[in-house]
Amino acid sequence: MTSSGEIGRIGWIDLTVPDADSVPDFYRSVVGWNSSDVDMGGYNDCSVHAGPGEAPVAGICHARGSNAALPPQWVVYITVADLDESLRKCVELGGQIVHGPAAYGGQGRFRVFRDPAGAIAALYPPVRKGS
């Protein structure tokens, strides 16, 4: 995910589905992405890359563990300066918290929300350098 200083940006995108192993080949054929395994302790999720040797652009995850309740769709992760305050405002303004808090890679926590129009996204604080 993104580093500090990128508040308000989309910092990551994940697709979480019951069978993540079946998806990378589809995206490889359709958009040309390459993938690399990410060890999740007993199974692999994957990162996808725009080209060989390039930084990851997104993740494809199994709906397991803390991801089990996530909807089977692409979810954007938006960085916020204060996760708790942003979540408070989300609910105050008619949004709903639908998942979390959940940890990502030992670097922090995120929450998935539904906005008043019904769209799903996630909020997370930026990864601090040295984290």
C-alpha atoms as a PDB file:
ATOM      1  CA  MET A   1       0.000   0.000   0.000  1.00  0.00           C
ATOM      2  CA  THR A   2       1.058   3.629  -0.302  1.00  0.00           C
ATOM      3  CA  SER A   3       3.462   5.505   1.946  1.00  0.00           C
ATOM      4  CA  SER A   4       2.766   8.617   4.011  1.00  0.00           C
ATOM      5  CA  GLY A   5       1.994  11.862   2.215  1.00  0.00           C
ATOM      6  CA  GLU A   6      -0.585  10.401  -0.139  1.00  0.00           C
ATOM      7  CA  ILE A   7      -3.778  11.187   1.783  1.00  0.00           C
ATOM      8  CA  GLY A   8      -6.937  11.033  -0.327  1.00  0.00           C
ATOM      9  CA  ARG A   9      -5.443   8.877  -3.072  1.00  0.00           C
ATOM     10  CA  ILE A  10      -6.366   5.385  -4.116  1.00  0.00           C
ATOM     11  CA  GLY A  11      -3.442   3.488  -2.657  1.00  0.00           C
ATOM     12  CA  TRP A  12      -4.324  -0.072  -3.572  1.00  0.00           C
ATOM     13  CA  ILE A  13      -6.888  -2.259  -5.302  1.00  0.00           C
ATOM     14  CA  ASP A  14      -7.824  -5.816  -4.333  1.00  0.00           C
ATOM     15  CA  LEU A  15     -10.126  -8.409  -5.791  1.00  0.00           C
ATOM     16  CA  THR A  16     -11.244 -10.934  -3.184  1.00  0.00           C
ATOM     17  CA  VAL A  17     -13.008 -14.042  -4.465  1.00  0.00           C
ATOM     18  CA  PRO A  18     -13.656 -17.602  -3.246  1.00  0.00           C
ATOM     19  CA  ASP A  19     -11.167 -19.124  -5.731  1.00  0.00           C
ATOM     20  CA  ALA A  20      -8.370 -16.611  -6.335  1.00  0.00           C
ATOM     21  CA  ASP A  21      -6.266 -19.231  -8.136  1.00  0.00           C
ATOM     22  CA  SER A  22      -8.666 -19.153 -11.083  1.00  0.00           C
ATOM     23  CA  VAL A  23      -8.427 -15.401 -11.694  1.00  0.00           C
ATOM     24  CA  PRO A  24      -4.800 -14.420 -12.545  1.00  0.00           C
ATOM     25  CA  ASP A  25      -4.804 -16.310 -15.852  1.00  0.00           C
ATOM     26  CA  PHE A  26      -7.955 -14.458 -16.894  1.00  0.00           C
ATOM     27  CA  TYR A  27      -6.337 -11.061 -16.289  1.00  0.00           C
ATOM     28  CA  ARG A  28      -3.069 -12.201 -17.857  1.00  0.00           C
ATOM     29  CA  SER A  29      -4.962 -13.017 -21.069  1.00  0.00           C
ATOM     30  CA  VAL A  30      -7.310 -10.023 -21.034  1.00  0.00           C
ATOM     31  CA  VAL A  31      -5.025  -7.152 -19.904  1.00  0.00           C
ATOM     32  CA  GLY A  32      -1.515  -8.596 -19.945  1.00  0.00           C
ATOM     33  CA  TRP A  33      -0.876  -8.598 -16.191  1.00  0.00           C
ATOM     34  CA  ASN A  34       1.762 -10.874 -14.701  1.00  0.00           C
ATOM     35  CA  SER A  35       1.322 -12.257 -11.191  1.00  0.00           C
ATOM     36  CA  SER A  36       3.486 -13.239  -8.257  1.00  0.00           C
ATOM     37  CA  ASP A  37       2.532 -15.312  -5.237  1.00  0.00           C
ATOM     38  CA  VAL A  38       2.063 -13.741  -1.820  1.00  0.00           C
ATOM     39  CA  ASP A  39       2.419 -16.266   1.009  1.00  0.00           C
ATOM     40  CA  MET A  40      -0.548 -16.052   3.346  1.00  0.00           C
ATOM     41  CA  GLY A  41       0.564 -18.868   5.671  1.00  0.00           C
ATOM     42  CA  GLY A  42      -0.897 -22.038   4.209  1.00  0.00           C
ATOM     43  CA  TYR A  43      -2.086 -20.667   0.871  1.00  0.00           C
ATOM     44  CA  ASN A  44      -1.095 -18.007  -1.654  1.00  0.00           C
ATOM     45  CA  ASP A  45      -2.827 -14.847  -2.750  1.00  0.00           C
ATOM     46  CA  CYS A  46      -1.142 -12.928  -5.533  1.00  0.00           C
ATOM     47  CA  SER A  47       0.013  -9.508  -6.581  1.00  0.00           C
ATOM     48  CA  VAL A  48      -0.481  -8.522 -10.188  1.00  0.00           C
ATOM     49  CA  HIS A  49       2.012  -6.466 -12.179  1.00  0.00           C
ATOM     50  CA  ALA A  50       1.589  -4.433 -15.373  1.00  0.00           C
ATOM     51  CA  GLY A  51       4.734  -6.041 -16.751  1.00  0.00           C
ATOM     52  CA  PRO A  52       7.666  -8.262 -15.818  1.00  0.00           C
ATOM     53  CA  GLY A  53       9.744  -6.753 -13.023  1.00  0.00           C
ATOM     54  CA  GLU A  54       7.298  -3.890 -12.401  1.00  0.00           C
ATOM     55  CA  ALA A  55       5.851  -3.010  -8.993  1.00  0.00           C
ATOM     56  CA  PRO A  56       2.491  -4.580  -8.116  1.00  0.00           C
ATOM     57  CA  VAL A  57      -0.604  -2.679  -9.242  1.00  0.00           C
ATOM     58  CA  ALA A  58      -3.242  -4.749  -7.413  1.00  0.00           C
ATOM     59  CA  GLY A  59      -3.903  -7.907  -5.462  1.00  0.00           C
ATOM     60  CA  ILE A  60      -6.073 -10.961  -6.028  1.00  0.00           C
ATOM     61  CA  CYS A  61      -7.054 -12.611  -2.760  1.00  0.00           C
ATOM     62  CA  HIS A  62      -8.877 -15.675  -1.513  1.00  0.00           C
ATOM     63  CA  ALA A  63     -11.985 -14.946   0.549  1.00  0.00           C
ATOM     64  CA  ARG A  64     -10.452 -16.514   3.651  1.00  0.00           C
ATOM     65  CA  GLY A  65      -9.537 -15.388   7.149  1.00  0.00           C
ATOM     66  CA  SER A  66     -10.066 -11.655   7.635  1.00  0.00           C
ATOM     67  CA  ASN A  67     -11.100 -11.404   3.948  1.00  0.00           C
ATOM     68  CA  ALA A  68     -13.896 -13.994   4.185  1.00  0.00           C
ATOM     69  CA  ALA A  69     -16.694 -11.410   4.380  1.00  0.00           C
ATOM     70  CA  LEU A  70     -15.488  -9.157   1.564  1.00  0.00           C
ATOM     71  CA  PRO A  71     -17.701  -8.924  -1.519  1.00  0.00           C
ATOM     72  CA  PRO A  72     -16.461 -10.561  -4.752  1.00  0.00           C
ATOM     73  CA  GLN A  73     -15.593  -7.309  -6.507  1.00  0.00           C
ATOM     74  CA  TRP A  74     -12.657  -4.972  -7.002  1.00  0.00           C
ATOM     75  CA  VAL A  75     -12.290  -2.815  -3.880  1.00  0.00           C
ATOM     76  CA  VAL A  76     -10.302   0.420  -3.928  1.00  0.00           C
ATOM     77  CA  TYR A  77      -8.395   1.386  -0.780  1.00  0.00           C
ATOM     78  CA  ILE A  78      -8.350   5.131  -0.133  1.00  0.00           C
ATOM     79  CA  THR A  79      -5.793   6.641   2.243  1.00  0.00           C
ATOM     80  CA  VAL A  80      -7.065   8.857   5.058  1.00  0.00           C
ATOM     81  CA  ALA A  81      -5.152  10.797   7.693  1.00  0.00           C
ATOM     82  CA  ASP A  82      -7.279   9.541  10.620  1.00  0.00           C
ATOM     83  CA  LEU A  83      -9.095   6.248  10.061  1.00  0.00           C
ATOM     84  CA  ASP A  84     -11.323   6.512  13.143  1.00  0.00           C
ATOM     85  CA  GLU A  85     -12.401  10.070  12.327  1.00  0.00           C
ATOM     86  CA  SER A  86     -13.107   9.179   8.690  1.00  0.00           C
ATOM     87  CA  LEU A  87     -15.208   6.201   9.773  1.00  0.00           C
ATOM     88  CA  ARG A  88     -17.136   8.365  12.229  1.00  0.00           C
ATOM     89  CA  LYS A  89     -17.917  10.838   9.437  1.00  0.00           C
ATOM     90  CA  CYS A  90     -18.830   7.995   7.090  1.00  0.00           C
ATOM     91  CA  VAL A  91     -21.539   6.733   9.443  1.00  0.00           C
ATOM     92  CA  GLU A  92     -22.671  10.262  10.361  1.00  0.00           C
ATOM     93  CA  LEU A  93     -23.228  11.035   6.674  1.00  0.00           C
ATOM     94  CA  GLY A  94     -25.213   7.876   5.893  1.00  0.00           C
ATOM     95  CA  GLY A  95     -22.487   5.367   5.060  1.00  0.00           C
ATOM     96  CA  GLN A  96     -22.210   1.911   6.605  1.00  0.00           C
ATOM     97  CA  ILE A  97     -19.210  -0.032   7.829  1.00  0.00           C
ATOM     98  CA  VAL A  98     -19.417  -3.470   6.205  1.00  0.00           C
ATOM     99  CA  HIS A  99     -16.111  -5.140   7.138  1.00  0.00           C
ATOM    100  CA  GLY A 100     -13.273  -4.747   9.556  1.00  0.00           C
ATOM    101  CA  PRO A 101     -11.234  -3.594  11.163  1.00  0.00           C
ATOM    102  CA  ALA A 102      -8.819  -5.954   9.506  1.00  0.00           C
ATOM    103  CA  ALA A 103      -5.040  -5.920   9.282  1.00  0.00           C
ATOM    104  CA  TYR A 104      -3.045  -5.804   6.062  1.00  0.00           C
ATOM    105  CA  GLY A 105       0.378  -7.367   6.078  1.00  0.00           C
ATOM    106  CA  GLY A 106       1.174  -6.298   9.639  1.00  0.00           C
ATOM    107  CA  GLN A 107       1.371  -2.675   8.419  1.00  0.00           C
ATOM    108  CA  GLY A 108      -1.903  -1.325   9.729  1.00  0.00           C
ATOM    109  CA  ARG A 109      -5.651  -1.739   9.552  1.00  0.00           C
ATOM    110  CA  PHE A 110      -8.429  -0.983   7.120  1.00  0.00           C
ATOM    111  CA  ARG A 111     -12.231  -0.921   7.056  1.00  0.00           C
ATOM    112  CA  VAL A 112     -14.572  -1.524   4.145  1.00  0.00           C
ATOM    113  CA  PHE A 113     -17.569   0.782   3.908  1.00  0.00           C
ATOM    114  CA  ARG A 114     -20.632   1.326   1.734  1.00  0.00           C
ATOM    115  CA  ASP A 115     -21.379   4.933   0.796  1.00  0.00           C
ATOM    116  CA  PRO A 116     -24.949   6.319   0.754  1.00  0.00           C
ATOM    117  CA  ALA A 117     -25.258   5.434  -2.956  1.00  0.00           C
ATOM    118  CA  GLY A 118     -24.364   1.781  -2.215  1.00  0.00           C
ATOM    119  CA  ALA A 119     -20.793   1.742  -3.574  1.00  0.00           C
ATOM    120  CA  ILE A 120     -18.131  -0.245  -1.684  1.00  0.00           C
ATOM    121  CA  ALA A 121     -14.606   1.026  -0.920  1.00  0.00           C
ATOM    122  CA  ALA A 122     -12.065   0.759   1.896  1.00  0.00           C
ATOM    123  CA  LEU A 123     -10.279   3.311   4.047  1.00  0.00           C
ATOM    124  CA  TYR A 124      -6.839   2.959   5.586  1.00  0.00           C
ATOM    125  CA  PRO A 125      -4.175   5.197   7.061  1.00  0.00           C
ATOM    126  CA  PRO A 126      -0.990   5.511   5.006  1.00  0.00           C
ATOM    127  CA  VAL A 127       1.857   3.145   5.722  1.00  0.00           C
ATOM    128  CA  ARG A 128       4.453   5.057   7.683  1.00  0.00           C
ATOM    129  CA  LYS A 129       8.059   4.820   6.578  1.00  0.00           C
ATOM    130  CA  GLY A 130       9.811   2.208   8.679  1.00  0.00           C
ATOM    131  CA  SER A 131       6.543   0.285   9.223  1.00  0.00           C
END
